[in-house]
């Protein structure tokens, strides 16, 4: 797995397979990504790009 350099900006049209985000950022990505796992009581999310 090749990790991209950290970037605070959310890019819904980006070509990223995964995102690790705060739950407040999910609305910007919910059309393109599914939640894989929730962490820290649900306040952080691991997302995977939809096929």
PDB file of N, CA and C in Angstrom:
ATOM      1  N   UNK A   1       0.839  -1.153   0.000  1.00  0.00           N
ATOM      2  CA  UNK A   1       0.000   0.000   0.000  1.00  0.00           C
ATOM      3  C   UNK A   1       0.897   1.233   0.000  1.00  0.00           C
ATOM      4  N   UNK A   2       0.581   2.161  -0.857  1.00  0.00           N
ATOM      5  CA  UNK A   2       1.321   3.423  -0.906  1.00  0.00           C
ATOM      6  C   UNK A   2       0.449   4.502  -0.274  1.00  0.00           C
ATOM      7  N   UNK A   3       0.953   5.120   0.779  1.00  0.00           N
ATOM      8  CA  UNK A   3       0.207   6.163   1.469  1.00  0.00           C
ATOM      9  C   UNK A   3       0.507   7.522   0.868  1.00  0.00           C
ATOM     10  N   UNK A   4      -0.543   8.304   0.689  1.00  0.00           N
ATOM     11  CA  UNK A   4      -0.377   9.663   0.193  1.00  0.00           C
ATOM     12  C   UNK A   4       0.078  10.551   1.343  1.00  0.00           C
ATOM     13  N   UNK A   5       0.742  11.625   1.010  1.00  0.00           N
ATOM     14  CA  UNK A   5       1.158  12.592   2.015  1.00  0.00           C
ATOM     15  C   UNK A   5      -0.082  13.178   2.679  1.00  0.00           C
ATOM     16  N   UNK A   6       0.007  13.456   3.986  1.00  0.00           N
ATOM     17  CA  UNK A   6      -1.127  14.009   4.724  1.00  0.00           C
ATOM     18  C   UNK A   6      -1.594  15.309   4.089  1.00  0.00           C
ATOM     19  N   UNK A   7      -2.910  15.421   3.956  1.00  0.00           N
ATOM     20  CA  UNK A   7      -3.517  16.621   3.404  1.00  0.00           C
ATOM     21  C   UNK A   7      -4.860  16.803   4.096  1.00  0.00           C
ATOM     22  N   UNK A   8      -5.079  17.939   4.693  1.00  0.00           N
ATOM     23  CA  UNK A   8      -6.307  18.201   5.440  1.00  0.00           C
ATOM     24  C   UNK A   8      -7.523  18.386   4.530  1.00  0.00           C
ATOM     25  N   UNK A   9      -7.322  18.753   3.293  1.00  0.00           N
ATOM     26  CA  UNK A   9      -8.426  19.033   2.381  1.00  0.00           C
ATOM     27  C   UNK A   9      -9.143  17.753   1.955  1.00  0.00           C
ATOM     28  N   UNK A  10     -10.462  17.817   1.887  1.00  0.00           N
ATOM     29  CA  UNK A  10     -11.284  16.707   1.421  1.00  0.00           C
ATOM     30  C   UNK A  10     -11.519  16.905  -0.069  1.00  0.00           C
ATOM     31  N   UNK A  11     -11.201  15.893  -0.869  1.00  0.00           N
ATOM     32  CA  UNK A  11     -11.368  15.973  -2.312  1.00  0.00           C
ATOM     33  C   UNK A  11     -12.297  14.850  -2.776  1.00  0.00           C
ATOM     34  N   UNK A  12     -13.610  15.104  -2.808  1.00  0.00           N
ATOM     35  CA  UNK A  12     -14.557  14.060  -3.192  1.00  0.00           C
ATOM     36  C   UNK A  12     -14.286  13.463  -4.575  1.00  0.00           C
ATOM     37  N   UNK A  13     -13.733  14.244  -5.469  1.00  0.00           N
ATOM     38  CA  UNK A  13     -13.456  13.742  -6.818  1.00  0.00           C
ATOM     39  C   UNK A  13     -12.045  13.170  -6.936  1.00  0.00           C
ATOM     40  N   UNK A  14     -11.329  13.103  -5.822  1.00  0.00           N
ATOM     41  CA  UNK A  14      -9.967  12.566  -5.830  1.00  0.00           C
ATOM     42  C   UNK A  14      -9.954  11.079  -6.134  1.00  0.00           C
ATOM     43  N   UNK A  15      -8.810  10.580  -6.479  1.00  0.00           N
ATOM     44  CA  UNK A  15      -8.662   9.177  -6.854  1.00  0.00           C
ATOM     45  C   UNK A  15      -8.075   8.381  -5.679  1.00  0.00           C
ATOM     46  N   UNK A  16      -8.687   8.530  -4.497  1.00  0.00           N
ATOM     47  CA  UNK A  16      -8.200   7.872  -3.296  1.00  0.00           C
ATOM     48  C   UNK A  16      -9.088   6.666  -2.992  1.00  0.00           C
ATOM     49  N   UNK A  17      -8.474   5.534  -2.682  1.00  0.00           N
ATOM     50  CA  UNK A  17      -9.245   4.335  -2.352  1.00  0.00           C
ATOM     51  C   UNK A  17      -9.816   4.410  -0.949  1.00  0.00           C
ATOM     52  N   UNK A  18      -9.102   5.058  -0.022  1.00  0.00           N
ATOM     53  CA  UNK A  18      -9.524   5.141   1.373  1.00  0.00           C
ATOM     54  C   UNK A  18      -9.390   6.558   1.903  1.00  0.00           C
ATOM     55  N   UNK A  19     -10.216   6.865   2.884  1.00  0.00           N
ATOM     56  CA  UNK A  19     -10.124   8.107   3.652  1.00  0.00           C
ATOM     57  C   UNK A  19     -10.263   7.757   5.120  1.00  0.00           C
ATOM     58  N   UNK A  20      -9.518   8.418   5.978  1.00  0.00           N
ATOM     59  CA  UNK A  20      -9.685   8.348   7.416  1.00  0.00           C
ATOM     60  C   UNK A  20     -10.030   9.756   7.854  1.00  0.00           C
ATOM     61  N   UNK A  21     -11.271   9.956   8.282  1.00  0.00           N
ATOM     62  CA  UNK A  21     -11.783  11.314   8.488  1.00  0.00           C
ATOM     63  C   UNK A  21     -12.542  11.443   9.803  1.00  0.00           C
ATOM     64  N   UNK A  22     -12.839  12.687  10.168  1.00  0.00           N
ATOM     65  CA  UNK A  22     -13.783  12.954  11.245  1.00  0.00           C
ATOM     66  C   UNK A  22     -15.190  12.757  10.698  1.00  0.00           C
ATOM     67  N   UNK A  23     -16.117  12.353  11.560  1.00  0.00           N
ATOM     68  CA  UNK A  23     -17.480  12.096  11.112  1.00  0.00           C
ATOM     69  C   UNK A  23     -18.141  13.337  10.506  1.00  0.00           C
ATOM     70  N   UNK A  24     -17.719  14.514  10.931  1.00  0.00           N
ATOM     71  CA  UNK A  24     -18.294  15.755  10.393  1.00  0.00           C
ATOM     72  C   UNK A  24     -17.933  15.979   8.926  1.00  0.00           C
ATOM     73  N   UNK A  25     -16.893  15.296   8.423  1.00  0.00           N
ATOM     74  CA  UNK A  25     -16.495  15.422   7.015  1.00  0.00           C
ATOM     75  C   UNK A  25     -17.211  14.425   6.105  1.00  0.00           C
ATOM     76  N   UNK A  26     -17.923  13.468   6.695  1.00  0.00           N
ATOM     77  CA  UNK A  26     -18.546  12.410   5.898  1.00  0.00           C
ATOM     78  C   UNK A  26     -19.565  12.904   4.871  1.00  0.00           C
ATOM     79  N   UNK A  27     -20.397  13.906   5.166  1.00  0.00           N
ATOM     80  CA  UNK A  27     -21.356  14.359   4.148  1.00  0.00           C
ATOM     81  C   UNK A  27     -20.722  14.718   2.801  1.00  0.00           C
ATOM     82  N   UNK A  28     -19.504  15.222   2.819  1.00  0.00           N
ATOM     83  CA  UNK A  28     -18.831  15.594   1.572  1.00  0.00           C
ATOM     84  C   UNK A  28     -18.398  14.374   0.761  1.00  0.00           C
ATOM     85  N   UNK A  29     -18.342  13.201   1.401  1.00  0.00           N
ATOM     86  CA  UNK A  29     -17.822  12.000   0.737  1.00  0.00           C
ATOM     87  C   UNK A  29     -18.831  10.862   0.630  1.00  0.00           C
ATOM     88  N   UNK A  30     -19.996  10.995   1.219  1.00  0.00           N
ATOM     89  CA  UNK A  30     -20.919   9.869   1.302  1.00  0.00           C
ATOM     90  C   UNK A  30     -21.427   9.364  -0.047  1.00  0.00           C
ATOM     91  N   UNK A  31     -21.410  10.189  -1.064  1.00  0.00           N
ATOM     92  CA  UNK A  31     -21.841   9.739  -2.399  1.00  0.00           C
ATOM     93  C   UNK A  31     -20.830   8.789  -3.029  1.00  0.00           C
ATOM     94  N   UNK A  32     -19.538   8.974  -2.715  1.00  0.00           N
ATOM     95  CA  UNK A  32     -18.477   8.209  -3.354  1.00  0.00           C
ATOM     96  C   UNK A  32     -17.842   7.150  -2.449  1.00  0.00           C
ATOM     97  N   UNK A  33     -18.112   7.202  -1.134  1.00  0.00           N
ATOM     98  CA  UNK A  33     -17.423   6.315  -0.191  1.00  0.00           C
ATOM     99  C   UNK A  33     -18.391   5.650   0.777  1.00  0.00           C
ATOM    100  N   UNK A  34     -18.054   4.412   1.167  1.00  0.00           N
ATOM    101  CA  UNK A  34     -18.790   3.668   2.185  1.00  0.00           C
ATOM    102  C   UNK A  34     -17.975   3.646   3.475  1.00  0.00           C
ATOM    103  N   UNK A  35     -18.668   3.604   4.606  1.00  0.00           N
ATOM    104  CA  UNK A  35     -17.991   3.474   5.896  1.00  0.00           C
ATOM    105  C   UNK A  35     -17.566   2.028   6.083  1.00  0.00           C
ATOM    106  N   UNK A  36     -16.290   1.825   6.357  1.00  0.00           N
ATOM    107  CA  UNK A  36     -15.745   0.490   6.596  1.00  0.00           C
ATOM    108  C   UNK A  36     -15.700   0.200   8.093  1.00  0.00           C
ATOM    109  N   UNK A  37     -15.280   1.193   8.872  1.00  0.00           N
ATOM    110  CA  UNK A  37     -15.117   1.022  10.310  1.00  0.00           C
ATOM    111  C   UNK A  37     -15.256   2.372  10.998  1.00  0.00           C
ATOM    112  N   UNK A  38     -15.789   2.348  12.222  1.00  0.00           N
ATOM    113  CA  UNK A  38     -15.892   3.555  13.048  1.00  0.00           C
ATOM    114  C   UNK A  38     -14.934   3.415  14.221  1.00  0.00           C
ATOM    115  N   UNK A  39     -14.292   4.518  14.592  1.00  0.00           N
ATOM    116  CA  UNK A  39     -13.337   4.537  15.691  1.00  0.00           C
ATOM    117  C   UNK A  39     -13.663   5.688  16.637  1.00  0.00           C
ATOM    118  N   UNK A  40     -13.108   5.623  17.828  1.00  0.00           N
ATOM    119  CA  UNK A  40     -13.235   6.701  18.810  1.00  0.00           C
ATOM    120  C   UNK A  40     -14.697   7.052  19.060  1.00  0.00           C
ATOM    121  N   UNK A  41     -15.511   6.028  19.285  1.00  0.00           N
ATOM    122  CA  UNK A  41     -16.932   6.252  19.562  1.00  0.00           C
ATOM    123  C   UNK A  41     -17.719   6.730  18.356  1.00  0.00           C
ATOM    124  N   UNK A  42     -17.204   6.519  17.162  1.00  0.00           N
ATOM    125  CA  UNK A  42     -17.893   6.929  15.937  1.00  0.00           C
ATOM    126  C   UNK A  42     -17.506   8.299  15.429  1.00  0.00           C
ATOM    127  N   UNK A  43     -16.610   8.971  16.131  1.00  0.00           N
ATOM    128  CA  UNK A  43     -16.236  10.324  15.691  1.00  0.00           C
ATOM    129  C   UNK A  43     -15.184  10.322  14.582  1.00  0.00           C
ATOM    130  N   UNK A  44     -14.571   9.161  14.349  1.00  0.00           N
ATOM    131  CA  UNK A  44     -13.606   9.021  13.240  1.00  0.00           C
ATOM    132  C   UNK A  44     -14.027   7.825  12.397  1.00  0.00           C
ATOM    133  N   UNK A  45     -13.882   7.977  11.096  1.00  0.00           N
ATOM    134  CA  UNK A  45     -14.369   6.960  10.168  1.00  0.00           C
ATOM    135  C   UNK A  45     -13.297   6.551   9.175  1.00  0.00           C
ATOM    136  N   UNK A  46     -13.261   5.267   8.886  1.00  0.00           N
ATOM    137  CA  UNK A  46     -12.450   4.761   7.786  1.00  0.00           C
ATOM    138  C   UNK A  46     -13.410   4.502   6.637  1.00  0.00           C
ATOM    139  N   UNK A  47     -13.136   5.108   5.499  1.00  0.00           N
ATOM    140  CA  UNK A  47     -14.004   4.993   4.324  1.00  0.00           C
ATOM    141  C   UNK A  47     -13.277   4.280   3.191  1.00  0.00           C
ATOM    142  N   UNK A  48     -14.053   3.595   2.365  1.00  0.00           N
ATOM    143  CA  UNK A  48     -13.537   2.954   1.161  1.00  0.00           C
ATOM    144  C   UNK A  48     -14.374   3.413  -0.028  1.00  0.00           C
ATOM    145  N   UNK A  49     -13.685   3.723  -1.104  1.00  0.00           N
ATOM    146  CA  UNK A  49     -14.366   4.194  -2.315  1.00  0.00           C
ATOM    147  C   UNK A  49     -15.326   3.125  -2.822  1.00  0.00           C
ATOM    148  N   UNK A  50     -16.520   3.544  -3.232  1.00  0.00           N
ATOM    149  CA  UNK A  50     -17.526   2.633  -3.776  1.00  0.00           C
ATOM    150  C   UNK A  50     -17.071   2.171  -5.154  1.00  0.00           C
ATOM    151  N   UNK A  51     -17.449   0.939  -5.491  1.00  0.00           N
ATOM    152  CA  UNK A  51     -17.110   0.404  -6.818  1.00  0.00           C
ATOM    153  C   UNK A  51     -18.083   0.841  -7.865  1.00  0.00           C
TER     154      UNK A  51
END
